[in-house]
Amino acid sequence: MGELAVKLQEELEIKTAFTIPVFGGIAVNQSVVVTWCIMALLLIVTLIMTSGMKTRNPGRRQIMIESFVTFIQGLTADMLGEEAKEYVPYISTILIYLAVSNVLGIFNISPPTRDLRVTVALALMSIVLIETASFKKKGPKKFFKSFAEPMAVVAPMNILELGIKPLSLCMRLFGNIFAAFVIMELVKMVVPVVLPAALCLYFDIFDGLMQAYVFVFLTSLYIREAVE
């Protein structure tokens, strides 16, 4: 168990990839570098897959990418509802980013979502979008009045909910991804071969994709509630 404690401590440590030599040195964390790599990878794949697209007689590659985009947009549009379809591109992007991030463990790369600061940033982005959508839909008067609904006495609870929502989003995502790492380490200590490989496929693929879906589902649900 001492070995496991050391590994958990190492996993929770802030890992610096490199330092930018300006203003006394700006540390760039490993999770940030991995996120940059994911962004670059997605951009390159997008440019390659969308090059030479045609309006008539599309090729197999174009049909495949159009089917994928249609599936993702349809999935997120169903979660958001008719009143919030303008947020489909953002939710779709977050879904793809989280899906790619969460399955990196299969390549022995630490997912950015195993860093609590990354999940906090994602949750804050989501809650800002949610409140912005509500403000845009309701207008200033109805937006601030909604905190006193259904009665003024619950206003403190409604205001407190502004902090509870992002906390639940970030802790759910971080907790599940980190818990998978803990379980895998425990399994490796008990059964060093065969079983860890099978469980790795489950936690790094199925569970990773599921957590990406749950995060965007909850964000979409909050946006839908805010605008309807």
C-alpha atoms as a PDB file:
ATOM      1  CA  MET A   1       0.000   0.000   0.000  1.00  0.00           C
ATOM      2  CA  GLY A   2       2.950   2.276   0.555  1.00  0.00           C
ATOM      3  CA  GLU A   3       3.870   1.928  -3.111  1.00  0.00           C
ATOM      4  CA  LEU A   4       0.314   2.845  -4.109  1.00  0.00           C
ATOM      5  CA  ALA A   5       0.385   5.907  -1.857  1.00  0.00           C
ATOM      6  CA  VAL A   6       3.599   7.066  -3.509  1.00  0.00           C
ATOM      7  CA  LYS A   7       2.113   6.618  -6.997  1.00  0.00           C
ATOM      8  CA  LEU A   8      -1.039   8.529  -6.025  1.00  0.00           C
ATOM      9  CA  GLN A   9       1.053  11.341  -4.592  1.00  0.00           C
ATOM     10  CA  GLU A  10       3.121  11.485  -7.784  1.00  0.00           C
ATOM     11  CA  GLU A  11      -0.058  11.526  -9.889  1.00  0.00           C
ATOM     12  CA  LEU A  12      -1.491  14.465  -7.907  1.00  0.00           C
ATOM     13  CA  GLU A  13       1.736  16.479  -8.086  1.00  0.00           C
ATOM     14  CA  ILE A  14       1.928  19.465 -10.429  1.00  0.00           C
ATOM     15  CA  LYS A  15       4.199  18.237 -13.224  1.00  0.00           C
ATOM     16  CA  THR A  16       6.048  20.936 -15.155  1.00  0.00           C
ATOM     17  CA  ALA A  17       6.830  20.094 -18.781  1.00  0.00           C
ATOM     18  CA  PHE A  18       9.066  23.110 -19.387  1.00  0.00           C
ATOM     19  CA  THR A  19       9.572  26.697 -18.265  1.00  0.00           C
ATOM     20  CA  ILE A  20       9.279  29.770 -20.471  1.00  0.00           C
ATOM     21  CA  PRO A  21      12.257  32.026 -19.588  1.00  0.00           C
ATOM     22  CA  VAL A  22      10.320  35.309 -19.239  1.00  0.00           C
ATOM     23  CA  PHE A  23       9.089  37.258 -16.202  1.00  0.00           C
ATOM     24  CA  GLY A  24      11.197  35.124 -13.911  1.00  0.00           C
ATOM     25  CA  GLY A  25      10.106  31.876 -15.555  1.00  0.00           C
ATOM     26  CA  ILE A  26       6.579  30.741 -16.464  1.00  0.00           C
ATOM     27  CA  ALA A  27       6.016  27.060 -15.721  1.00  0.00           C
ATOM     28  CA  VAL A  28       3.981  25.178 -18.339  1.00  0.00           C
ATOM     29  CA  ASN A  29       2.334  22.110 -16.862  1.00  0.00           C
ATOM     30  CA  GLN A  30       2.290  18.688 -18.499  1.00  0.00           C
ATOM     31  CA  SER A  31      -1.509  18.717 -18.758  1.00  0.00           C
ATOM     32  CA  VAL A  32      -1.343  21.973 -20.735  1.00  0.00           C
ATOM     33  CA  VAL A  33       1.198  20.517 -23.166  1.00  0.00           C
ATOM     34  CA  VAL A  34      -0.922  17.394 -23.680  1.00  0.00           C
ATOM     35  CA  THR A  35      -3.961  19.623 -24.312  1.00  0.00           C
ATOM     36  CA  TRP A  36      -1.970  21.572 -26.917  1.00  0.00           C
ATOM     37  CA  CYS A  37      -1.014  18.281 -28.576  1.00  0.00           C
ATOM     38  CA  ILE A  38      -4.664  17.178 -28.640  1.00  0.00           C
ATOM     39  CA  MET A  39      -5.668  20.498 -30.198  1.00  0.00           C
ATOM     40  CA  ALA A  40      -2.934  20.207 -32.826  1.00  0.00           C
ATOM     41  CA  LEU A  41      -3.880  16.590 -33.569  1.00  0.00           C
ATOM     42  CA  LEU A  42      -7.569  17.434 -33.999  1.00  0.00           C
ATOM     43  CA  LEU A  43      -6.696  20.418 -36.196  1.00  0.00           C
ATOM     44  CA  ILE A  44      -4.420  18.347 -38.440  1.00  0.00           C
ATOM     45  CA  VAL A  45      -6.978  15.530 -38.731  1.00  0.00           C
ATOM     46  CA  THR A  46      -9.699  18.072 -39.533  1.00  0.00           C
ATOM     47  CA  LEU A  47      -7.621  19.739 -42.263  1.00  0.00           C
ATOM     48  CA  ILE A  48      -6.729  16.388 -43.815  1.00  0.00           C
ATOM     49  CA  MET A  49     -10.252  14.987 -43.682  1.00  0.00           C
ATOM     50  CA  THR A  50     -11.934  18.149 -45.026  1.00  0.00           C
ATOM     51  CA  SER A  51      -9.507  18.891 -47.865  1.00  0.00           C
ATOM     52  CA  GLY A  52     -10.901  18.562 -51.373  1.00  0.00           C
ATOM     53  CA  MET A  53     -14.535  18.297 -50.316  1.00  0.00           C
ATOM     54  CA  LYS A  54     -17.144  18.408 -53.087  1.00  0.00           C
ATOM     55  CA  THR A  55     -20.789  19.469 -53.303  1.00  0.00           C
ATOM     56  CA  ARG A  56     -21.470  16.752 -55.886  1.00  0.00           C
ATOM     57  CA  ASN A  57     -20.320  13.146 -56.067  1.00  0.00           C
ATOM     58  CA  PRO A  58     -18.589  13.119 -52.643  1.00  0.00           C
ATOM     59  CA  GLY A  59     -15.983  10.464 -52.008  1.00  0.00           C
ATOM     60  CA  ARG A  60     -15.952   7.842 -49.284  1.00  0.00           C
ATOM     61  CA  ARG A  61     -13.797  10.009 -47.004  1.00  0.00           C
ATOM     62  CA  GLN A  62     -16.192  12.968 -47.288  1.00  0.00           C
ATOM     63  CA  ILE A  63     -19.222  10.768 -46.631  1.00  0.00           C
ATOM     64  CA  MET A  64     -17.504   9.322 -43.557  1.00  0.00           C
ATOM     65  CA  ILE A  65     -16.615  12.729 -42.067  1.00  0.00           C
ATOM     66  CA  GLU A  66     -20.049  14.162 -42.855  1.00  0.00           C
ATOM     67  CA  SER A  67     -21.693  11.178 -41.159  1.00  0.00           C
ATOM     68  CA  PHE A  68     -19.489  11.661 -38.090  1.00  0.00           C
ATOM     69  CA  VAL A  69     -20.259  15.394 -37.866  1.00  0.00           C
ATOM     70  CA  THR A  70     -23.970  14.742 -38.358  1.00  0.00           C
ATOM     71  CA  PHE A  71     -23.928  12.114 -35.595  1.00  0.00           C
ATOM     72  CA  ILE A  72     -22.119  14.377 -33.093  1.00  0.00           C
ATOM     73  CA  GLN A  73     -24.289  17.405 -33.889  1.00  0.00           C
ATOM     74  CA  GLY A  74     -27.448  15.308 -33.708  1.00  0.00           C
ATOM     75  CA  LEU A  75     -26.392  13.862 -30.356  1.00  0.00           C
ATOM     76  CA  THR A  76     -25.660  17.250 -28.781  1.00  0.00           C
ATOM     77  CA  ALA A  77     -28.682  18.940 -30.407  1.00  0.00           C
ATOM     78  CA  ASP A  78     -31.002  16.347 -28.835  1.00  0.00           C
ATOM     79  CA  MET A  79     -29.487  17.063 -25.411  1.00  0.00           C
ATOM     80  CA  LEU A  80     -29.727  20.852 -25.791  1.00  0.00           C
ATOM     81  CA  GLY A  81     -33.216  21.054 -27.269  1.00  0.00           C
ATOM     82  CA  GLU A  82     -34.675  23.456 -29.812  1.00  0.00           C
ATOM     83  CA  GLU A  83     -34.138  26.611 -27.731  1.00  0.00           C
ATOM     84  CA  ALA A  84     -30.380  26.103 -27.338  1.00  0.00           C
ATOM     85  CA  LYS A  85     -29.243  24.750 -30.712  1.00  0.00           C
ATOM     86  CA  GLU A  86     -26.838  27.673 -31.147  1.00  0.00           C
ATOM     87  CA  TYR A  87     -24.599  26.056 -28.510  1.00  0.00           C
ATOM     88  CA  VAL A  88     -24.226  22.791 -30.457  1.00  0.00           C
ATOM     89  CA  PRO A  89     -20.734  23.681 -31.847  1.00  0.00           C
ATOM     90  CA  TYR A  90     -19.328  24.364 -28.370  1.00  0.00           C
ATOM     91  CA  ILE A  91     -20.829  21.256 -26.787  1.00  0.00           C
ATOM     92  CA  SER A  92     -19.705  19.113 -29.745  1.00  0.00           C
ATOM     93  CA  THR A  93     -16.142  20.450 -29.454  1.00  0.00           C
ATOM     94  CA  ILE A  94     -16.012  19.745 -25.713  1.00  0.00           C
ATOM     95  CA  LEU A  95     -17.349  16.232 -26.300  1.00  0.00           C
ATOM     96  CA  ILE A  96     -14.652  15.447 -28.887  1.00  0.00           C
ATOM     97  CA  TYR A  97     -11.886  16.975 -26.735  1.00  0.00           C
ATOM     98  CA  LEU A  98     -12.928  15.020 -23.625  1.00  0.00           C
ATOM     99  CA  ALA A  99     -13.336  11.789 -25.587  1.00  0.00           C
ATOM    100  CA  VAL A 100      -9.809  12.076 -26.991  1.00  0.00           C
ATOM    101  CA  SER A 101      -8.367  13.170 -23.630  1.00  0.00           C
ATOM    102  CA  ASN A 102      -9.933  10.376 -21.630  1.00  0.00           C
ATOM    103  CA  VAL A 103      -8.710   7.566 -23.905  1.00  0.00           C
ATOM    104  CA  LEU A 104      -5.073   8.706 -23.874  1.00  0.00           C
ATOM    105  CA  GLY A 105      -4.375   6.343 -20.995  1.00  0.00           C
ATOM    106  CA  ILE A 106      -4.376   3.418 -23.418  1.00  0.00           C
ATOM    107  CA  PHE A 107      -1.239   4.946 -24.976  1.00  0.00           C
ATOM    108  CA  ASN A 108       0.348   5.335 -21.512  1.00  0.00           C
ATOM    109  CA  ILE A 109      -0.196   9.119 -21.613  1.00  0.00           C
ATOM    110  CA  SER A 110      -1.647  10.816 -18.546  1.00  0.00           C
ATOM    111  CA  PRO A 111      -5.026  12.355 -19.564  1.00  0.00           C
ATOM    112  CA  PRO A 112      -5.346  16.115 -18.955  1.00  0.00           C
ATOM    113  CA  THR A 113      -8.633  15.393 -17.175  1.00  0.00           C
ATOM    114  CA  ARG A 114      -6.629  13.648 -14.443  1.00  0.00           C
ATOM    115  CA  ASP A 115      -5.474  17.165 -13.530  1.00  0.00           C
ATOM    116  CA  LEU A 116      -8.026  18.823 -11.237  1.00  0.00           C
ATOM    117  CA  ARG A 117      -7.181  22.270 -12.623  1.00  0.00           C
ATOM    118  CA  VAL A 118      -8.182  21.193 -16.119  1.00  0.00           C
ATOM    119  CA  THR A 119     -11.560  19.891 -14.969  1.00  0.00           C
ATOM    120  CA  VAL A 120     -12.116  23.043 -12.900  1.00  0.00           C
ATOM    121  CA  ALA A 121     -11.391  25.192 -15.963  1.00  0.00           C
ATOM    122  CA  LEU A 122     -13.811  23.146 -18.085  1.00  0.00           C
ATOM    123  CA  ALA A 123     -16.501  23.395 -15.418  1.00  0.00           C
ATOM    124  CA  LEU A 124     -16.054  27.171 -15.082  1.00  0.00           C
ATOM    125  CA  MET A 125     -16.301  27.564 -18.853  1.00  0.00           C
ATOM    126  CA  SER A 126     -19.519  25.573 -18.797  1.00  0.00           C
ATOM    127  CA  ILE A 127     -21.113  27.534 -15.955  1.00  0.00           C
ATOM    128  CA  VAL A 128     -20.206  30.858 -17.605  1.00  0.00           C
ATOM    129  CA  LEU A 129     -21.848  29.623 -20.804  1.00  0.00           C
ATOM    130  CA  ILE A 130     -24.919  28.468 -18.878  1.00  0.00           C
ATOM    131  CA  GLU A 131     -25.426  31.787 -17.113  1.00  0.00           C
ATOM    132  CA  THR A 132     -24.689  33.727 -20.311  1.00  0.00           C
ATOM    133  CA  ALA A 133     -27.324  31.685 -22.149  1.00  0.00           C
ATOM    134  CA  SER A 134     -29.821  32.370 -19.373  1.00  0.00           C
ATOM    135  CA  PHE A 135     -29.044  36.110 -19.339  1.00  0.00           C
ATOM    136  CA  LYS A 136     -29.291  36.314 -23.127  1.00  0.00           C
ATOM    137  CA  LYS A 137     -32.620  34.467 -23.219  1.00  0.00           C
ATOM    138  CA  LYS A 138     -34.355  36.124 -20.272  1.00  0.00           C
ATOM    139  CA  GLY A 139     -32.869  39.618 -20.315  1.00  0.00           C
ATOM    140  CA  PRO A 140     -31.411  41.415 -17.268  1.00  0.00           C
ATOM    141  CA  LYS A 141     -34.681  41.835 -15.357  1.00  0.00           C
ATOM    142  CA  LYS A 142     -35.951  38.259 -15.650  1.00  0.00           C
ATOM    143  CA  PHE A 143     -32.448  36.855 -15.173  1.00  0.00           C
ATOM    144  CA  PHE A 144     -31.944  38.443 -11.750  1.00  0.00           C
ATOM    145  CA  LYS A 145     -35.583  37.868 -10.828  1.00  0.00           C
ATOM    146  CA  SER A 146     -35.167  34.144 -11.477  1.00  0.00           C
ATOM    147  CA  PHE A 147     -32.920  33.842  -8.420  1.00  0.00           C
ATOM    148  CA  ALA A 148     -35.960  34.624  -6.248  1.00  0.00           C
ATOM    149  CA  GLU A 149     -38.149  31.953  -7.860  1.00  0.00           C
ATOM    150  CA  PRO A 150     -40.376  30.324  -6.778  1.00  0.00           C
ATOM    151  CA  MET A 151     -40.156  32.559  -3.694  1.00  0.00           C
ATOM    152  CA  ALA A 152     -37.690  35.129  -2.365  1.00  0.00           C
ATOM    153  CA  VAL A 153     -36.672  32.986   0.611  1.00  0.00           C
ATOM    154  CA  VAL A 154     -34.883  30.508  -1.662  1.00  0.00           C
ATOM    155  CA  ALA A 155     -32.716  33.198  -3.305  1.00  0.00           C
ATOM    156  CA  PRO A 156     -29.607  32.306  -1.225  1.00  0.00           C
ATOM    157  CA  MET A 157     -29.924  28.671  -2.311  1.00  0.00           C
ATOM    158  CA  ASN A 158     -30.279  29.639  -5.975  1.00  0.00           C
ATOM    159  CA  ILE A 159     -27.199  31.846  -5.712  1.00  0.00           C
ATOM    160  CA  LEU A 160     -25.286  29.057  -3.945  1.00  0.00           C
ATOM    161  CA  GLU A 161     -26.204  26.776  -6.831  1.00  0.00           C
ATOM    162  CA  LEU A 162     -23.967  28.888  -9.102  1.00  0.00           C
ATOM    163  CA  GLY A 163     -21.003  27.413  -7.253  1.00  0.00           C
ATOM    164  CA  ILE A 164     -22.446  23.937  -6.724  1.00  0.00           C
ATOM    165  CA  LYS A 165     -22.991  23.242 -10.433  1.00  0.00           C
ATOM    166  CA  PRO A 166     -19.368  23.765 -11.580  1.00  0.00           C
ATOM    167  CA  LEU A 167     -18.106  21.957  -8.473  1.00  0.00           C
ATOM    168  CA  SER A 168     -20.249  18.910  -9.238  1.00  0.00           C
ATOM    169  CA  LEU A 169     -19.204  18.959 -12.899  1.00  0.00           C
ATOM    170  CA  CYS A 170     -15.458  19.149 -12.248  1.00  0.00           C
ATOM    171  CA  MET A 171     -15.398  16.709  -9.310  1.00  0.00           C
ATOM    172  CA  ARG A 172     -17.505  14.138 -11.174  1.00  0.00           C
ATOM    173  CA  LEU A 173     -15.158  14.195 -14.181  1.00  0.00           C
ATOM    174  CA  PHE A 174     -11.923  14.320 -12.177  1.00  0.00           C
ATOM    175  CA  GLY A 175     -13.126  11.798  -9.590  1.00  0.00           C
ATOM    176  CA  ASN A 176     -14.113   9.153 -12.109  1.00  0.00           C
ATOM    177  CA  ILE A 177     -10.946   9.480 -14.198  1.00  0.00           C
ATOM    178  CA  PHE A 178      -8.706   9.427 -11.114  1.00  0.00           C
ATOM    179  CA  ALA A 179     -10.663   6.553  -9.543  1.00  0.00           C
ATOM    180  CA  ALA A 180     -10.022   4.480 -12.673  1.00  0.00           C
ATOM    181  CA  PHE A 181      -6.274   5.078 -12.195  1.00  0.00           C
ATOM    182  CA  VAL A 182      -6.474   3.983  -8.537  1.00  0.00           C
ATOM    183  CA  ILE A 183      -8.403   0.810  -9.398  1.00  0.00           C
ATOM    184  CA  MET A 184      -5.923  -0.092 -12.122  1.00  0.00           C
ATOM    185  CA  GLU A 185      -2.980   0.322  -9.747  1.00  0.00           C
ATOM    186  CA  LEU A 186      -4.681  -1.896  -7.164  1.00  0.00           C
ATOM    187  CA  VAL A 187      -5.401  -4.565  -9.794  1.00  0.00           C
ATOM    188  CA  LYS A 188      -1.776  -4.494 -10.984  1.00  0.00           C
ATOM    189  CA  MET A 189      -0.623  -5.124  -7.415  1.00  0.00           C
ATOM    190  CA  VAL A 190      -2.906  -8.179  -7.021  1.00  0.00           C
ATOM    191  CA  VAL A 191      -2.960  -9.640 -10.559  1.00  0.00           C
ATOM    192  CA  PRO A 192       0.093  -8.355 -12.496  1.00  0.00           C
ATOM    193  CA  VAL A 193      -0.821  -9.894 -15.863  1.00  0.00           C
ATOM    194  CA  VAL A 194      -3.811 -10.505 -18.182  1.00  0.00           C
ATOM    195  CA  LEU A 195      -6.555  -8.886 -16.050  1.00  0.00           C
ATOM    196  CA  PRO A 196      -4.963  -5.380 -16.025  1.00  0.00           C
ATOM    197  CA  ALA A 197      -4.851  -5.407 -19.837  1.00  0.00           C
ATOM    198  CA  ALA A 198      -8.553  -6.270 -20.085  1.00  0.00           C
ATOM    199  CA  LEU A 199      -9.555  -3.675 -17.478  1.00  0.00           C
ATOM    200  CA  CYS A 200      -7.349  -1.099 -19.183  1.00  0.00           C
ATOM    201  CA  LEU A 201      -9.508  -1.376 -22.292  1.00  0.00           C
ATOM    202  CA  TYR A 202     -12.610  -0.832 -20.158  1.00  0.00           C
ATOM    203  CA  PHE A 203     -11.385   2.151 -18.124  1.00  0.00           C
ATOM    204  CA  ASP A 204      -9.408   3.857 -20.881  1.00  0.00           C
ATOM    205  CA  ILE A 205     -12.004   3.446 -23.645  1.00  0.00           C
ATOM    206  CA  PHE A 206     -15.523   2.694 -22.437  1.00  0.00           C
ATOM    207  CA  ASP A 207     -15.370   4.536 -19.116  1.00  0.00           C
ATOM    208  CA  GLY A 208     -13.420   7.437 -20.660  1.00  0.00           C
ATOM    209  CA  LEU A 209     -15.991   7.920 -23.407  1.00  0.00           C
ATOM    210  CA  MET A 210     -18.820   7.562 -20.900  1.00  0.00           C
ATOM    211  CA  GLN A 211     -17.389  10.292 -18.658  1.00  0.00           C
ATOM    212  CA  ALA A 212     -17.045  12.605 -21.662  1.00  0.00           C
ATOM    213  CA  TYR A 213     -20.708  11.995 -22.489  1.00  0.00           C
ATOM    214  CA  VAL A 214     -21.857  12.532 -18.889  1.00  0.00           C
ATOM    215  CA  PHE A 215     -20.001  15.861 -18.662  1.00  0.00           C
ATOM    216  CA  VAL A 216     -21.531  17.290 -21.857  1.00  0.00           C
ATOM    217  CA  PHE A 217     -24.934  15.804 -20.992  1.00  0.00           C
ATOM    218  CA  LEU A 218     -25.048  17.625 -17.656  1.00  0.00           C
ATOM    219  CA  THR A 219     -23.766  20.846 -19.231  1.00  0.00           C
ATOM    220  CA  SER A 220     -26.400  20.575 -21.960  1.00  0.00           C
ATOM    221  CA  LEU A 221     -29.085  19.852 -19.380  1.00  0.00           C
ATOM    222  CA  TYR A 222     -28.157  22.971 -17.401  1.00  0.00           C
ATOM    223  CA  ILE A 223     -28.171  25.099 -20.579  1.00  0.00           C
ATOM    224  CA  ARG A 224     -31.537  23.644 -21.595  1.00  0.00           C
ATOM    225  CA  GLU A 225     -33.006  24.478 -18.190  1.00  0.00           C
ATOM    226  CA  ALA A 226     -31.575  27.992 -18.397  1.00  0.00           C
ATOM    227  CA  VAL A 227     -33.191  28.886 -21.731  1.00  0.00           C
ATOM    228  CA  GLU A 228     -36.511  27.050 -21.548  1.00  0.00           C
END
